[in-house]
Amino acid sequence: MGPAGPGSGWPLAGTLLVAVAASMVAGGEDCLWYVDRNGSWHPGFDCEFFTFCCGTCHQRYCCRDPLRLLTERQQRHCLAF
């Protein structure tokens, strides 16, 4: 065992596992249409495989960072408000 103890690698491994799982599940997540802060309408678009919709209610783009994932459910919530 290392100096940090037997479970020291688990938090990092768990975070990595969650990030990979989120990217695989959300691969190809579509960006729905949206209205930006200036009131301009933007049509929806598809993201390539292993990328997904990221951003905010007012700006969307495709990315690979699971921490920036904007699910279709979250996007529909943006439309309601």
N, C-alpha and C. Protein backbone atom coordinates (compact mmCIF):
# COMPACT_ATOMS: atom_id res chain seq x y z
N MET A 1 0.82 -1.19 0.00
CA MET A 1 0.00 0.00 0.00
C MET A 1 0.86 1.25 0.00
N GLY A 2 0.38 2.28 -0.67
CA GLY A 2 1.12 3.52 -0.73
C GLY A 2 0.93 4.34 0.54
N PRO A 3 1.58 5.47 0.63
CA PRO A 3 1.49 6.31 1.82
C PRO A 3 0.11 6.90 2.03
N ALA A 4 -0.68 6.99 1.00
CA ALA A 4 -2.01 7.61 1.14
C ALA A 4 -3.05 6.60 1.61
N GLY A 5 -2.74 5.32 1.61
CA GLY A 5 -3.69 4.32 2.08
C GLY A 5 -4.30 3.56 0.93
N PRO A 6 -5.09 2.52 1.25
CA PRO A 6 -5.60 1.63 0.23
C PRO A 6 -6.65 2.25 -0.70
N GLY A 7 -7.41 3.23 -0.28
CA GLY A 7 -8.49 3.76 -1.10
C GLY A 7 -8.19 5.10 -1.73
N SER A 8 -6.95 5.51 -1.77
CA SER A 8 -6.61 6.86 -2.22
C SER A 8 -6.88 7.10 -3.70
N GLY A 9 -6.87 6.06 -4.54
CA GLY A 9 -7.09 6.25 -5.97
C GLY A 9 -8.54 6.23 -6.38
N TRP A 10 -9.45 5.84 -5.49
CA TRP A 10 -10.86 5.69 -5.86
C TRP A 10 -11.58 6.98 -6.21
N PRO A 11 -11.37 8.09 -5.51
CA PRO A 11 -12.09 9.30 -5.92
C PRO A 11 -11.78 9.72 -7.36
N LEU A 12 -10.53 9.67 -7.75
CA LEU A 12 -10.14 10.03 -9.11
C LEU A 12 -10.69 9.02 -10.11
N ALA A 13 -10.57 7.74 -9.79
CA ALA A 13 -11.08 6.70 -10.69
C ALA A 13 -12.59 6.80 -10.83
N GLY A 14 -13.29 7.09 -9.75
CA GLY A 14 -14.75 7.24 -9.80
C GLY A 14 -15.17 8.42 -10.65
N THR A 15 -14.46 9.53 -10.52
CA THR A 15 -14.75 10.72 -11.32
C THR A 15 -14.53 10.43 -12.80
N LEU A 16 -13.43 9.76 -13.11
CA LEU A 16 -13.13 9.42 -14.50
C LEU A 16 -14.19 8.48 -15.07
N LEU A 17 -14.60 7.50 -14.29
CA LEU A 17 -15.62 6.56 -14.73
C LEU A 17 -16.94 7.27 -15.02
N VAL A 18 -17.35 8.17 -14.17
CA VAL A 18 -18.59 8.93 -14.39
C VAL A 18 -18.48 9.78 -15.64
N ALA A 19 -17.35 10.42 -15.86
CA ALA A 19 -17.15 11.26 -17.04
C ALA A 19 -17.22 10.44 -18.32
N VAL A 20 -16.59 9.28 -18.34
CA VAL A 20 -16.61 8.42 -19.52
C VAL A 20 -18.01 7.89 -19.76
N ALA A 21 -18.70 7.46 -18.71
CA ALA A 21 -20.07 6.94 -18.85
C ALA A 21 -21.00 8.02 -19.37
N ALA A 22 -20.88 9.23 -18.87
CA ALA A 22 -21.74 10.32 -19.33
C ALA A 22 -21.51 10.62 -20.80
N SER A 23 -20.25 10.59 -21.23
CA SER A 23 -19.96 10.89 -22.63
C SER A 23 -20.47 9.78 -23.54
N MET A 24 -20.42 8.53 -23.09
CA MET A 24 -20.90 7.43 -23.93
C MET A 24 -22.42 7.44 -24.03
N VAL A 25 -23.09 7.73 -22.93
CA VAL A 25 -24.55 7.76 -22.92
C VAL A 25 -25.05 8.94 -23.74
N ALA A 26 -24.38 10.07 -23.63
CA ALA A 26 -24.85 11.28 -24.28
C ALA A 26 -24.25 11.48 -25.66
N GLY A 27 -23.49 10.53 -26.16
CA GLY A 27 -22.88 10.68 -27.47
C GLY A 27 -23.92 10.97 -28.53
N GLY A 28 -23.69 11.98 -29.34
CA GLY A 28 -24.63 12.34 -30.39
C GLY A 28 -25.82 13.13 -29.89
N GLU A 29 -25.76 13.65 -28.69
CA GLU A 29 -26.85 14.44 -28.13
C GLU A 29 -27.09 15.66 -29.01
N ASP A 30 -28.33 15.86 -29.39
CA ASP A 30 -28.68 16.96 -30.27
C ASP A 30 -28.80 18.28 -29.51
N CYS A 31 -28.40 19.34 -30.17
CA CYS A 31 -28.66 20.68 -29.65
C CYS A 31 -29.98 21.15 -30.27
N LEU A 32 -30.95 21.43 -29.44
CA LEU A 32 -32.24 21.91 -29.91
C LEU A 32 -32.15 23.38 -30.29
N TRP A 33 -33.17 23.85 -31.02
CA TRP A 33 -33.18 25.27 -31.39
C TRP A 33 -33.21 26.11 -30.12
N TYR A 34 -32.72 27.33 -30.23
CA TYR A 34 -32.71 28.23 -29.08
C TYR A 34 -32.71 29.68 -29.54
N VAL A 35 -32.98 30.56 -28.61
CA VAL A 35 -32.96 32.00 -28.84
C VAL A 35 -31.83 32.57 -27.99
N ASP A 36 -30.92 33.31 -28.62
CA ASP A 36 -29.79 33.86 -27.87
C ASP A 36 -30.21 35.11 -27.09
N ARG A 37 -29.27 35.70 -26.39
CA ARG A 37 -29.57 36.86 -25.53
C ARG A 37 -30.05 38.07 -26.33
N ASN A 38 -29.72 38.14 -27.61
CA ASN A 38 -30.15 39.24 -28.46
C ASN A 38 -31.52 38.99 -29.08
N GLY A 39 -32.10 37.83 -28.81
CA GLY A 39 -33.41 37.50 -29.37
C GLY A 39 -33.33 36.84 -30.73
N SER A 40 -32.14 36.49 -31.20
CA SER A 40 -31.98 35.84 -32.50
C SER A 40 -32.24 34.34 -32.35
N TRP A 41 -32.99 33.78 -33.30
CA TRP A 41 -33.33 32.37 -33.30
C TRP A 41 -32.21 31.58 -33.97
N HIS A 42 -31.84 30.44 -33.40
CA HIS A 42 -30.82 29.55 -33.97
C HIS A 42 -31.43 28.17 -34.14
N PRO A 43 -31.30 27.58 -35.32
CA PRO A 43 -31.87 26.24 -35.54
C PRO A 43 -31.10 25.17 -34.76
N GLY A 44 -31.75 24.06 -34.51
CA GLY A 44 -31.10 22.95 -33.85
C GLY A 44 -30.07 22.29 -34.75
N PHE A 45 -29.19 21.52 -34.17
CA PHE A 45 -28.17 20.82 -34.95
C PHE A 45 -27.74 19.57 -34.21
N ASP A 46 -27.19 18.62 -34.96
CA ASP A 46 -26.71 17.36 -34.39
C ASP A 46 -25.22 17.47 -34.09
N CYS A 47 -24.82 16.81 -33.03
CA CYS A 47 -23.40 16.72 -32.69
C CYS A 47 -22.87 15.40 -33.21
N GLU A 48 -21.59 15.37 -33.55
CA GLU A 48 -20.95 14.15 -34.03
C GLU A 48 -20.90 13.12 -32.92
N PHE A 49 -20.62 11.87 -33.30
CA PHE A 49 -20.50 10.79 -32.33
C PHE A 49 -19.40 11.10 -31.32
N PHE A 50 -19.63 10.77 -30.07
CA PHE A 50 -18.74 11.03 -28.95
C PHE A 50 -18.62 12.51 -28.61
N THR A 51 -19.53 13.34 -29.13
CA THR A 51 -19.64 14.72 -28.68
C THR A 51 -21.11 14.93 -28.34
N PHE A 52 -21.37 15.97 -27.61
CA PHE A 52 -22.73 16.24 -27.21
C PHE A 52 -22.93 17.73 -27.05
N CYS A 53 -24.20 18.10 -26.87
CA CYS A 53 -24.55 19.51 -26.76
C CYS A 53 -24.05 20.08 -25.44
N CYS A 54 -23.39 21.21 -25.54
CA CYS A 54 -22.85 21.89 -24.37
C CYS A 54 -23.27 23.36 -24.42
N GLY A 55 -23.06 24.05 -23.34
CA GLY A 55 -23.32 25.48 -23.31
C GLY A 55 -24.39 25.88 -22.32
N THR A 56 -25.16 26.88 -22.71
CA THR A 56 -26.18 27.45 -21.84
C THR A 56 -27.49 27.54 -22.61
N CYS A 57 -28.49 28.10 -21.97
CA CYS A 57 -29.78 28.30 -22.64
C CYS A 57 -29.65 29.24 -23.83
N HIS A 58 -28.67 30.15 -23.79
CA HIS A 58 -28.55 31.18 -24.83
C HIS A 58 -27.37 31.00 -25.77
N GLN A 59 -26.58 29.95 -25.59
CA GLN A 59 -25.46 29.66 -26.49
C GLN A 59 -25.17 28.17 -26.42
N ARG A 60 -25.20 27.50 -27.58
CA ARG A 60 -24.99 26.05 -27.61
C ARG A 60 -23.94 25.69 -28.65
N TYR A 61 -23.20 24.63 -28.34
CA TYR A 61 -22.15 24.14 -29.22
C TYR A 61 -21.89 22.68 -28.86
N CYS A 62 -21.18 21.98 -29.72
CA CYS A 62 -20.83 20.58 -29.47
C CYS A 62 -19.48 20.53 -28.77
N CYS A 63 -19.35 19.63 -27.79
CA CYS A 63 -18.08 19.47 -27.10
C CYS A 63 -17.96 18.06 -26.57
N ARG A 64 -16.80 17.75 -26.00
CA ARG A 64 -16.54 16.43 -25.42
C ARG A 64 -16.44 16.48 -23.90
N ASP A 65 -16.63 17.63 -23.30
CA ASP A 65 -16.48 17.80 -21.86
C ASP A 65 -17.80 17.47 -21.16
N PRO A 66 -17.86 16.34 -20.45
CA PRO A 66 -19.12 15.94 -19.80
C PRO A 66 -19.58 16.92 -18.72
N LEU A 67 -18.69 17.75 -18.22
CA LEU A 67 -19.08 18.73 -17.21
C LEU A 67 -19.85 19.89 -17.82
N ARG A 68 -19.78 20.06 -19.14
CA ARG A 68 -20.50 21.13 -19.83
C ARG A 68 -21.73 20.63 -20.56
N LEU A 69 -22.05 19.35 -20.38
CA LEU A 69 -23.18 18.71 -21.05
C LEU A 69 -24.48 19.46 -20.77
N LEU A 70 -25.25 19.70 -21.82
CA LEU A 70 -26.57 20.31 -21.72
C LEU A 70 -27.54 19.30 -22.32
N THR A 71 -28.24 18.55 -21.48
CA THR A 71 -29.12 17.49 -21.97
C THR A 71 -30.31 18.08 -22.70
N GLU A 72 -30.98 17.25 -23.47
CA GLU A 72 -32.18 17.71 -24.17
C GLU A 72 -33.25 18.11 -23.15
N ARG A 73 -33.31 17.43 -22.04
CA ARG A 73 -34.27 17.80 -21.00
C ARG A 73 -33.98 19.21 -20.47
N GLN A 74 -32.70 19.51 -20.22
CA GLN A 74 -32.33 20.84 -19.76
C GLN A 74 -32.63 21.89 -20.83
N GLN A 75 -32.41 21.53 -22.09
CA GLN A 75 -32.68 22.47 -23.18
C GLN A 75 -34.18 22.77 -23.27
N ARG A 76 -35.01 21.76 -23.10
CA ARG A 76 -36.46 21.98 -23.14
C ARG A 76 -36.90 22.84 -21.95
N HIS A 77 -36.24 22.70 -20.83
CA HIS A 77 -36.52 23.53 -19.67
C HIS A 77 -36.21 25.00 -20.00
N CYS A 78 -35.13 25.23 -20.76
CA CYS A 78 -34.79 26.59 -21.19
C CYS A 78 -35.92 27.20 -22.01
N LEU A 79 -36.52 26.37 -22.89
CA LEU A 79 -37.59 26.86 -23.77
C LEU A 79 -38.83 27.25 -22.96
N ALA A 80 -39.07 26.55 -21.86
CA ALA A 80 -40.25 26.81 -21.06
C ALA A 80 -40.13 28.13 -20.29
N PHE A 81 -38.90 28.55 -20.03
CA PHE A 81 -38.70 29.77 -19.25
C PHE A 81 -37.97 30.77 -20.08
